[in-house]
Amino acid sequence: MLRDSFRSRRVKEVGNRPRPAYDARYGFRMCRNIRILYNFEPPTSDDEIGSAAVQYVRKVSGMQKPSRANEAAFDRAVEEISATTARLLESLVTTAPPRDRETEAERRRARAMERFG
């Protein structure tokens, strides 16, 4: 029930058409700052996976830096998410050609220029 009420209220304007922030299949949309890690050449490094895990835990917990009391739980969550992400990336299969990091970075810069000027 809570999700239904969220779905009707959470609408993000995109261009001239409203776009819901809630997707019925996957829940709320992915944070704009979380980057795709799959299907790159060279493959995604452990550092990139770890950075994404830290970003995810920060977003979910609402903390940039945990207090000493929460530091162990925060670090454990980052390690578990990193391991799960690495397993996921290893198990995915695609027939698409690998993405180029420079091309993707250029696309992000172009979108940012379009949005922010």
Protein backbone atom coordinates (compact mmCIF):
# COMPACT_ATOMS: atom_id res chain seq x y z
CA MET A 1 0.00 0.00 0.00
CA LEU A 2 2.80 2.39 0.86
CA ARG A 3 4.36 1.86 -2.54
CA ASP A 4 1.07 2.63 -4.30
CA SER A 5 0.79 5.97 -2.53
CA PHE A 6 4.43 6.73 -3.32
CA ARG A 7 3.89 5.81 -6.95
CA SER A 8 1.08 8.29 -7.36
CA ARG A 9 2.92 11.15 -5.63
CA ARG A 10 6.52 10.67 -6.77
CA VAL A 11 6.65 12.04 -10.32
CA LYS A 12 9.71 13.62 -11.83
CA GLU A 13 9.32 16.06 -14.70
CA VAL A 14 11.45 15.14 -17.72
CA GLY A 15 11.10 17.44 -20.66
CA ASN A 16 7.38 17.90 -21.31
CA ARG A 17 6.27 14.55 -19.91
CA PRO A 18 6.17 13.39 -16.31
CA ARG A 19 8.27 10.35 -15.50
CA PRO A 20 7.56 8.36 -12.34
CA ALA A 21 10.47 7.91 -9.96
CA TYR A 22 9.01 4.52 -9.06
CA ASP A 23 9.31 1.52 -11.39
CA ALA A 24 6.83 -1.27 -10.58
CA ARG A 25 9.32 -4.03 -11.41
CA TYR A 26 12.43 -2.74 -9.65
CA GLY A 27 11.21 -0.16 -7.17
CA PHE A 28 12.66 3.33 -7.18
CA ARG A 29 14.97 4.25 -10.03
CA MET A 30 18.72 3.98 -9.70
CA CYS A 31 20.51 6.98 -8.27
CA ARG A 32 21.91 9.13 -11.05
CA ASN A 33 25.39 9.00 -9.47
CA ILE A 34 25.67 5.21 -9.48
CA ARG A 35 27.46 4.18 -12.66
CA ILE A 36 27.13 1.06 -14.78
CA LEU A 37 29.98 -1.38 -14.12
CA TYR A 38 29.13 -4.18 -16.54
CA ASN A 39 30.53 -4.93 -19.99
CA PHE A 40 33.55 -2.63 -20.13
CA GLU A 41 36.91 -3.21 -21.73
CA PRO A 42 39.13 -3.50 -19.72
CA PRO A 43 36.87 -5.22 -17.16
CA THR A 44 35.69 -3.37 -14.07
CA SER A 45 38.38 -3.29 -11.38
CA ASP A 46 37.99 -4.20 -7.71
CA ASP A 47 38.52 -0.52 -6.84
CA GLU A 48 35.57 0.52 -9.04
CA ILE A 49 33.38 -2.16 -7.48
CA GLY A 50 34.45 -1.04 -3.99
CA SER A 51 33.73 2.62 -4.79
CA ALA A 52 30.27 1.71 -6.06
CA ALA A 53 29.61 -0.32 -2.90
CA VAL A 54 30.66 2.60 -0.68
CA GLN A 55 28.42 4.95 -2.67
CA TYR A 56 25.48 2.54 -2.34
CA VAL A 57 25.95 2.10 1.43
CA ARG A 58 26.26 5.87 1.89
CA LYS A 59 23.04 6.40 -0.05
CA VAL A 60 21.07 3.72 1.81
CA SER A 61 22.37 4.65 5.27
CA GLY A 62 22.19 8.40 4.71
CA MET A 63 25.72 8.80 6.11
CA GLN A 64 28.76 10.20 4.37
CA LYS A 65 30.96 8.82 7.11
CA PRO A 66 29.66 6.54 9.84
CA SER A 67 30.21 7.20 13.54
CA ARG A 68 32.64 4.94 15.38
CA ALA A 69 29.68 2.97 16.75
CA ASN A 70 28.46 2.25 13.19
CA GLU A 71 31.81 1.94 11.45
CA ALA A 72 32.04 -1.88 11.71
CA ALA A 73 28.52 -2.36 10.32
CA PHE A 74 29.21 0.15 7.53
CA ASP A 75 32.48 -1.57 6.55
CA ARG A 76 30.88 -5.02 6.70
CA ALA A 77 28.06 -3.85 4.41
CA VAL A 78 30.58 -2.42 1.92
CA GLU A 79 32.52 -5.71 1.85
CA GLU A 80 29.38 -7.82 1.39
CA ILE A 81 28.03 -5.60 -1.37
CA SER A 82 31.41 -5.57 -3.11
CA ALA A 83 31.55 -9.38 -3.08
CA THR A 84 27.97 -9.70 -4.29
CA THR A 85 28.55 -7.16 -7.06
CA ALA A 86 31.71 -8.97 -8.22
CA ARG A 87 29.80 -12.29 -8.35
CA LEU A 88 26.98 -10.64 -10.28
CA LEU A 89 29.32 -9.09 -12.85
CA GLU A 90 31.12 -12.42 -13.33
CA SER A 91 27.86 -14.32 -13.91
CA LEU A 92 26.23 -11.92 -16.40
CA VAL A 93 26.32 -12.86 -20.10
CA THR A 94 25.94 -10.56 -23.09
CA THR A 95 26.39 -10.59 -26.86
CA ALA A 96 26.83 -6.80 -27.00
CA PRO A 97 30.29 -5.43 -27.70
CA PRO A 98 32.15 -4.08 -24.65
CA ARG A 99 31.65 -0.42 -23.79
CA ASP A 100 34.46 2.09 -23.99
CA ARG A 101 35.05 4.07 -20.80
CA GLU A 102 36.03 7.24 -22.67
CA THR A 103 32.90 7.14 -24.83
CA GLU A 104 30.70 6.67 -21.77
CA ALA A 105 32.47 9.52 -19.95
CA GLU A 106 31.93 11.78 -22.96
CA ARG A 107 28.22 10.92 -22.98
CA ARG A 108 27.97 11.80 -19.27
CA ARG A 109 29.72 15.12 -19.88
CA ALA A 110 27.39 15.93 -22.80
CA ARG A 111 24.30 15.13 -20.68
CA ALA A 112 25.66 17.32 -17.87
CA MET A 113 26.26 20.22 -20.27
CA GLU A 114 22.74 19.83 -21.64
CA ARG A 115 21.22 19.77 -18.17
CA PHE A 116 23.35 22.37 -16.39
CA GLY A 117 24.67 24.51 -19.24
